[in-house]
PDB file of N, CA and C in Angstrom:
ATOM      1  N   MET A   1      10.264  92.448  56.749  1.00  0.00           N
ATOM      2  CA  MET A   1      10.902  91.057  57.051  1.00  0.00           C
ATOM      3  C   MET A   1      10.356  90.576  58.300  1.00  0.00           C
ATOM      4  N   ASP A   2       9.125  90.708  58.610  1.00  0.00           N
ATOM      5  CA  ASP A   2       8.289  90.366  59.719  1.00  0.00           C
ATOM      6  C   ASP A   2       7.096  89.260  58.724  1.00  0.00           C
ATOM      7  N   HIS A   3       6.478  89.784  57.934  1.00  0.00           N
ATOM      8  CA  HIS A   3       6.030  88.775  56.788  1.00  0.00           C
ATOM      9  C   HIS A   3       5.708  87.219  57.360  1.00  0.00           C
ATOM     10  N   PRO A   4       4.947  86.989  56.885  1.00  0.00           N
ATOM     11  CA  PRO A   4       5.237  85.150  56.725  1.00  0.00           C
ATOM     12  C   PRO A   4       5.502  84.898  55.909  1.00  0.00           C
ATOM     13  N   LEU A   5       5.149  85.274  54.404  1.00  0.00           N
ATOM     14  CA  LEU A   5       6.109  84.421  53.750  1.00  0.00           C
ATOM     15  C   LEU A   5       7.245  84.432  53.015  1.00  0.00           C
ATOM     16  N   VAL A   6       7.789  86.037  54.007  1.00  0.00           N
ATOM     17  CA  VAL A   6       9.207  86.524  53.835  1.00  0.00           C
ATOM     18  C   VAL A   6      10.128  85.278  54.847  1.00  0.00           C
ATOM     19  N   LEU A   7       9.417  85.106  55.896  1.00  0.00           N
ATOM     20  CA  LEU A   7       9.624  83.925  56.816  1.00  0.00           C
ATOM     21  C   LEU A   7      10.261  82.615  56.053  1.00  0.00           C
ATOM     22  N   ASP A   8       9.008  82.578  55.215  1.00  0.00           N
ATOM     23  CA  ASP A   8       9.332  80.713  55.042  1.00  0.00           C
ATOM     24  C   ASP A   8      10.155  80.980  54.041  1.00  0.00           C
ATOM     25  N   THR A   9      10.355  81.996  53.103  1.00  0.00           N
ATOM     26  CA  THR A   9      11.633  82.105  51.691  1.00  0.00           C
ATOM     27  C   THR A   9      12.633  82.078  53.054  1.00  0.00           C
ATOM     28  N   ARG A  10      12.861  82.925  53.831  1.00  0.00           N
ATOM     29  CA  ARG A  10      14.346  82.412  54.876  1.00  0.00           C
ATOM     30  C   ARG A  10      14.470  81.047  55.188  1.00  0.00           C
ATOM     31  N   LEU A  11      13.390  79.876  55.468  1.00  0.00           N
ATOM     32  CA  LEU A  11      13.555  79.122  55.618  1.00  0.00           C
ATOM     33  C   LEU A  11      13.797  78.016  54.807  1.00  0.00           C
ATOM     34  N   ALA A  12      13.307  78.552  53.809  1.00  0.00           N
ATOM     35  CA  ALA A  12      13.855  77.709  52.537  1.00  0.00           C
ATOM     36  C   ALA A  12      15.688  77.788  51.762  1.00  0.00           C
ATOM     37  N   LEU A  13      15.460  79.276  51.941  1.00  0.00           N
ATOM     38  CA  LEU A  13      17.070  79.406  52.141  1.00  0.00           C
ATOM     39  C   LEU A  13      17.927  78.865  52.944  1.00  0.00           C
ATOM     40  N   ALA A  14      17.440  79.075  54.213  1.00  0.00           N
ATOM     41  CA  ALA A  14      18.283  78.400  55.365  1.00  0.00           C
ATOM     42  C   ALA A  14      18.268  76.638  54.868  1.00  0.00           C
ATOM     43  N   GLY A  15      17.604  75.931  53.975  1.00  0.00           N
ATOM     44  CA  GLY A  15      17.419  74.253  53.919  1.00  0.00           C
ATOM     45  C   GLY A  15      18.220  74.345  52.745  1.00  0.00           C
ATOM     46  N   VAL A  16      18.594  75.928  51.646  1.00  0.00           N
ATOM     47  CA  VAL A  16      19.760  75.722  50.672  1.00  0.00           C
ATOM     48  C   VAL A  16      21.103  74.951  51.451  1.00  0.00           C
ATOM     49  N   ARG A  17      21.654  76.094  52.174  1.00  0.00           N
ATOM     50  CA  ARG A  17      22.876  76.167  53.471  1.00  0.00           C
ATOM     51  C   ARG A  17      22.918  75.037  52.954  1.00  0.00           C
ATOM     52  N   VAL A  18      22.088  74.097  54.003  1.00  0.00           N
ATOM     53  CA  VAL A  18      22.124  72.698  54.460  1.00  0.00           C
ATOM     54  C   VAL A  18      22.092  71.739  53.051  1.00  0.00           C
ATOM     55  N   GLU A  19      21.456  71.763  51.878  1.00  0.00           N
ATOM     56  CA  GLU A  19      22.339  70.924  51.311  1.00  0.00           C
ATOM     57  C   GLU A  19      23.361  71.591  50.057  1.00  0.00           C
ATOM     58  N   ALA A  20      23.791  72.782  50.719  1.00  0.00           N
ATOM     59  CA  ALA A  20      25.159  72.564  49.837  1.00  0.00           C
ATOM     60  C   ALA A  20      26.734  72.733  51.072  1.00  0.00           C
ATOM     61  N   GLY A  21      26.242  71.734  52.444  1.00  0.00           N
ATOM     62  CA  GLY A  21      26.906  71.323  53.314  1.00  0.00           C
ATOM     63  C   GLY A  21      27.407  73.101  54.077  1.00  0.00           C
ATOM     64  N   ASP A  22      26.585  73.752  54.410  1.00  0.00           N
ATOM     65  CA  ASP A  22      27.202  75.284  55.264  1.00  0.00           C
ATOM     66  C   ASP A  22      26.190  74.636  56.595  1.00  0.00           C
ATOM     67  N   VAL A  23      26.760  73.982  57.381  1.00  0.00           N
ATOM     68  CA  VAL A  23      26.330  73.580  58.519  1.00  0.00           C
ATOM     69  C   VAL A  23      26.213  74.925  60.174  1.00  0.00           C
ATOM     70  N   VAL A  24      27.239  75.652  59.598  1.00  0.00           N
ATOM     71  CA  VAL A  24      27.342  76.711  60.728  1.00  0.00           C
ATOM     72  C   VAL A  24      26.183  77.609  59.614  1.00  0.00           C
ATOM     73  N   GLY A  25      26.566  78.225  58.843  1.00  0.00           N
ATOM     74  CA  GLY A  25      25.431  79.230  57.852  1.00  0.00           C
ATOM     75  C   GLY A  25      24.502  78.790  58.098  1.00  0.00           C
ATOM     76  N   ALA A  26      23.482  76.975  58.360  1.00  0.00           N
ATOM     77  CA  ALA A  26      22.422  76.896  58.552  1.00  0.00           C
ATOM     78  C   ALA A  26      21.958  76.960  59.502  1.00  0.00           C
ATOM     79  N   THR A  27      22.779  77.367  60.790  1.00  0.00           N
ATOM     80  CA  THR A  27      22.708  76.880  62.140  1.00  0.00           C
ATOM     81  C   THR A  27      22.547  78.543  62.738  1.00  0.00           C
ATOM     82  N   GLU A  28      22.711  79.232  61.822  1.00  0.00           N
ATOM     83  CA  GLU A  28      23.475  80.574  62.227  1.00  0.00           C
ATOM     84  C   GLU A  28      21.730  81.031  61.385  1.00  0.00           C
ATOM     85  N   ALA A  29      21.202  80.537  60.633  1.00  0.00           N
ATOM     86  CA  ALA A  29      20.173  81.122  59.635  1.00  0.00           C
ATOM     87  C   ALA A  29      18.906  80.695  59.868  1.00  0.00           C
ATOM     88  N   TYR A  30      18.541  79.129  61.106  1.00  0.00           N
ATOM     89  CA  TYR A  30      17.751  78.731  61.388  1.00  0.00           C
ATOM     90  C   TYR A  30      17.508  79.584  63.145  1.00  0.00           C
ATOM     91  N   GLU A  31      18.845  79.614  63.400  1.00  0.00           N
ATOM     92  CA  GLU A  31      18.897  80.462  64.961  1.00  0.00           C
ATOM     93  C   GLU A  31      18.134  81.851  64.568  1.00  0.00           C
ATOM     94  N   HIS A  32      18.140  82.799  63.853  1.00  0.00           N
ATOM     95  CA  HIS A  32      17.737  83.769  63.236  1.00  0.00           C
ATOM     96  C   HIS A  32      16.327  84.147  63.200  1.00  0.00           C
ATOM     97  N   LEU A  33      16.099  82.986  61.902  1.00  0.00           N
ATOM     98  CA  LEU A  33      14.313  82.835  62.109  1.00  0.00           C
ATOM     99  C   LEU A  33      13.847  82.484  62.948  1.00  0.00           C
ATOM    100  N   TRP A  34      14.177  81.587  64.082  1.00  0.00           N
ATOM    101  CA  TRP A  34      13.575  80.918  64.780  1.00  0.00           C
ATOM    102  C   TRP A  34      13.146  81.981  65.880  1.00  0.00           C
ATOM    103  N   ALA A  35      13.899  83.705  65.712  1.00  0.00           N
ATOM    104  CA  ALA A  35      13.661  83.981  67.188  1.00  0.00           C
ATOM    105  C   ALA A  35      13.105  84.626  66.516  1.00  0.00           C
ATOM    106  N   ASP A  36      13.042  85.169  65.147  1.00  0.00           N
ATOM    107  CA  ASP A  36      11.862  85.760  64.584  1.00  0.00           C
ATOM    108  C   ASP A  36      10.518  85.408  64.331  1.00  0.00           C
ATOM    109  N   MET A  37      10.436  84.215  64.200  1.00  0.00           N
ATOM    110  CA  MET A  37       9.292  83.477  64.198  1.00  0.00           C
ATOM    111  C   MET A  37       8.641  83.045  65.146  1.00  0.00           C
ATOM    112  N   MET A  38       9.042  83.273  66.374  1.00  0.00           N
ATOM    113  CA  MET A  38       8.746  83.252  68.168  1.00  0.00           C
ATOM    114  C   MET A  38       8.345  85.153  68.359  1.00  0.00           C
ATOM    115  N   ARG A  39       8.747  86.318  67.514  1.00  0.00           N
ATOM    116  CA  ARG A  39       7.881  87.295  67.741  1.00  0.00           C
ATOM    117  C   ARG A  39       6.959  87.533  67.119  1.00  0.00           C
ATOM    118  N   VAL A  40       6.994  86.932  65.677  1.00  0.00           N
ATOM    119  CA  VAL A  40       6.103  87.232  65.315  1.00  0.00           C
ATOM    120  C   VAL A  40       4.783  86.614  65.172  1.00  0.00           C
ATOM    121  N   LEU A  41       5.166  84.655  64.543  1.00  0.00           N
ATOM    122  CA  LEU A  41       3.864  84.270  64.845  1.00  0.00           C
ATOM    123  C   LEU A  41       3.795  82.928  66.261  1.00  0.00           C
ATOM    124  N   GLY A  42       4.270  83.525  66.963  1.00  0.00           N
ATOM    125  CA  GLY A  42       4.506  82.749  68.387  1.00  0.00           C
ATOM    126  C   GLY A  42       4.934  81.540  68.143  1.00  0.00           C
ATOM    127  N   GLU A  43       5.093  80.770  69.915  1.00  0.00           N
ATOM    128  CA  GLU A  43       5.858  79.632  69.851  1.00  0.00           C
ATOM    129  C   GLU A  43       4.840  79.328  69.415  1.00  0.00           C
ATOM    130  N   ASP A  44       3.502  78.732  69.681  1.00  0.00           N
ATOM    131  CA  ASP A  44       3.034  77.625  69.142  1.00  0.00           C
ATOM    132  C   ASP A  44       2.746  77.208  68.019  1.00  0.00           C
ATOM    133  N   HIS A  45       2.730  78.231  67.032  1.00  0.00           N
ATOM    134  CA  HIS A  45       2.594  78.116  65.427  1.00  0.00           C
ATOM    135  C   HIS A  45       3.723  76.951  65.015  1.00  0.00           C
ATOM    136  N   ARG A  46       2.789  75.821  64.288  1.00  0.00           N
ATOM    137  CA  ARG A  46       3.513  75.087  64.196  1.00  0.00           C
ATOM    138  C   ARG A  46       4.977  75.037  63.191  1.00  0.00           C
ATOM    139  N   GLY A  47       4.680  76.195  62.249  1.00  0.00           N
ATOM    140  CA  GLY A  47       6.264  76.238  61.571  1.00  0.00           C
ATOM    141  C   GLY A  47       7.546  77.211  62.471  1.00  0.00           C
ATOM    142  N   THR A  48       7.108  77.478  63.560  1.00  0.00           N
ATOM    143  CA  THR A  48       7.802  77.803  64.996  1.00  0.00           C
ATOM    144  C   THR A  48       8.420  76.811  65.633  1.00  0.00           C
ATOM    145  N   ARG A  49       7.623  75.957  65.627  1.00  0.00           N
ATOM    146  CA  ARG A  49       8.088  74.375  65.978  1.00  0.00           C
ATOM    147  C   ARG A  49       8.112  73.654  65.057  1.00  0.00           C
ATOM    148  N   TRP A  50       8.426  73.361  64.170  1.00  0.00           N
ATOM    149  CA  TRP A  50       8.888  72.693  63.219  1.00  0.00           C
ATOM    150  C   TRP A  50      10.945  73.615  62.756  1.00  0.00           C
ATOM    151  N   THR A  51      10.633  75.211  63.184  1.00  0.00           N
ATOM    152  CA  THR A  51      11.909  75.299  62.565  1.00  0.00           C
ATOM    153  C   THR A  51      13.064  75.702  64.234  1.00  0.00           C
ATOM    154  N   ARG A  52      12.546  75.345  65.264  1.00  0.00           N
ATOM    155  CA  ARG A  52      13.129  74.593  66.624  1.00  0.00           C
ATOM    156  C   ARG A  52      13.231  73.684  66.540  1.00  0.00           C
ATOM    157  N   GLN A  53      12.649  72.678  65.590  1.00  0.00           N
ATOM    158  CA  GLN A  53      12.986  71.060  65.713  1.00  0.00           C
ATOM    159  C   GLN A  53      14.380  71.178  64.605  1.00  0.00           C
ATOM    160  N   LYS A  54      14.412  72.005  63.816  1.00  0.00           N
ATOM    161  CA  LYS A  54      15.552  71.680  62.879  1.00  0.00           C
ATOM    162  C   LYS A  54      16.447  72.392  62.848  1.00  0.00           C
ATOM    163  N   LEU A  55      16.052  73.267  64.039  1.00  0.00           N
ATOM    164  CA  LEU A  55      17.639  74.378  64.739  1.00  0.00           C
ATOM    165  C   LEU A  55      17.988  72.817  65.843  1.00  0.00           C
ATOM    166  N   GLY A  56      17.460  72.451  66.245  1.00  0.00           N
ATOM    167  CA  GLY A  56      18.535  71.439  67.455  1.00  0.00           C
ATOM    168  C   GLY A  56      18.540  70.196  66.656  1.00  0.00           C
ATOM    169  N   ARG A  57      18.612  70.234  65.514  1.00  0.00           N
ATOM    170  CA  ARG A  57      19.586  69.200  64.730  1.00  0.00           C
ATOM    171  C   ARG A  57      20.482  69.989  64.124  1.00  0.00           C
ATOM    172  N   TRP A  58      20.746  70.892  63.586  1.00  0.00           N
ATOM    173  CA  TRP A  58      21.908  71.701  63.275  1.00  0.00           C
ATOM    174  C   TRP A  58      22.554  72.266  64.492  1.00  0.00           C
ATOM    175  N   TRP A  59      22.360  72.414  65.626  1.00  0.00           N
ATOM    176  CA  TRP A  59      23.231  72.441  66.484  1.00  0.00           C
ATOM    177  C   TRP A  59      23.737  71.336  66.772  1.00  0.00           C
ATOM    178  N   GLU A  60      23.160  70.034  67.268  1.00  0.00           N
ATOM    179  CA  GLU A  60      24.009  68.714  67.274  1.00  0.00           C
ATOM    180  C   GLU A  60      25.081  68.627  65.942  1.00  0.00           C
ATOM    181  N   ARG A  61      24.833  68.664  64.840  1.00  0.00           N
ATOM    182  CA  ARG A  61      25.334  68.816  63.757  1.00  0.00           C
ATOM    183  C   ARG A  61      26.470  69.471  63.445  1.00  0.00           C
ATOM    184  N   ARG A  62      26.124  70.453  64.400  1.00  0.00           N
ATOM    185  CA  ARG A  62      27.462  71.633  64.261  1.00  0.00           C
ATOM    186  C   ARG A  62      28.410  71.079  65.895  1.00  0.00           C
ATOM    187  N   ARG A  63      27.397  70.548  66.239  1.00  0.00           N
ATOM    188  CA  ARG A  63      28.526  70.402  67.616  1.00  0.00           C
ATOM    189  C   ARG A  63      29.617  69.299  67.276  1.00  0.00           C
ATOM    190  N   ASN A  64      28.762  67.988  66.189  1.00  0.00           N
ATOM    191  CA  ASN A  64      29.634  67.309  66.129  1.00  0.00           C
ATOM    192  C   ASN A  64      30.781  67.616  65.205  1.00  0.00           C
ATOM    193  N   ARG A  65      30.541  68.423  64.300  1.00  0.00           N
ATOM    194  CA  ARG A  65      31.557  68.705  62.967  1.00  0.00           C
ATOM    195  C   ARG A  65      32.704  70.141  63.781  1.00  0.00           C
ATOM    196  N   CYS A  66      31.865  70.182  64.670  1.00  0.00           N
ATOM    197  CA  CYS A  66      33.369  71.839  65.491  1.00  0.00           C
ATOM    198  C   CYS A  66      33.895  71.394  66.344  1.00  0.00           C
ATOM    199  N   GLY A  67      33.388  70.319  66.980  1.00  0.00           N
ATOM    200  CA  GLY A  67      33.539  69.736  68.729  1.00  0.00           C
ATOM    201  C   GLY A  67      33.033  70.002  70.091  1.00  0.00           C
ATOM    202  N   ALA A  68      32.619  69.112  70.700  1.00  0.00           N
ATOM    203  CA  ALA A  68      32.008  68.951  71.821  1.00  0.00           C
ATOM    204  C   ALA A  68      32.144  70.175  72.082  1.00  0.00           C
ATOM    205  N   GLY A  69      33.607  71.119  72.478  1.00  0.00           N
ATOM    206  CA  GLY A  69      33.631  72.383  73.304  1.00  0.00           C
ATOM    207  C   GLY A  69      33.570  73.401  72.831  1.00  0.00           C
ATOM    208  N   THR A  70      32.297  73.459  71.573  1.00  0.00           N
ATOM    209  CA  THR A  70      32.075  74.683  70.730  1.00  0.00           C
ATOM    210  C   THR A  70      31.578  75.602  72.045  1.00  0.00           C
ATOM    211  N   ALA A  71      31.908  76.883  72.706  1.00  0.00           N
ATOM    212  CA  ALA A  71      31.581  77.521  73.731  1.00  0.00           C
ATOM    213  C   ALA A  71      29.790  78.256  73.102  1.00  0.00           C
ATOM    214  N   ASP A  72      29.955  79.049  72.088  1.00  0.00           N
ATOM    215  CA  ASP A  72      28.866  79.176  71.240  1.00  0.00           C
ATOM    216  C   ASP A  72      27.459  78.841  70.774  1.00  0.00           C
ATOM    217  N   ILE A  73      27.530  77.357  71.117  1.00  0.00           N
ATOM    218  CA  ILE A  73      26.241  76.688  70.725  1.00  0.00           C
ATOM    219  C   ILE A  73      25.225  77.060  71.933  1.00  0.00           C
ATOM    220  N   GLN A  74      24.536  77.031  71.956  1.00  0.00           N
ATOM    221  CA  GLN A  74      23.601  77.160  73.039  1.00  0.00           C
ATOM    222  C   GLN A  74      22.616  75.970  73.170  1.00  0.00           C
ATOM    223  N   GLY A  75      21.797  74.928  73.708  1.00  0.00           N
ATOM    224  CA  GLY A  75      20.849  74.168  73.320  1.00  0.00           C
ATOM    225  C   GLY A  75      20.138  73.292  74.042  1.00  0.00           C
TER     226      GLY A  75
END
């Protein structure tokens, strides 16, 4: 699961969850993907930075959807 093409596929699948309206699922997918990208590609890789940016966006949307008091969201 560490091959860059697999990471790209997982990124695309997270985007599909977004399009399907699954904010919680998309956020979780981006969280797991970001951790793996940090480990495999490093924090300075453009894909890692882009995924972190997307993750921040979905954390915010998830907060808005679930309520500001959601304790399991970190950011």
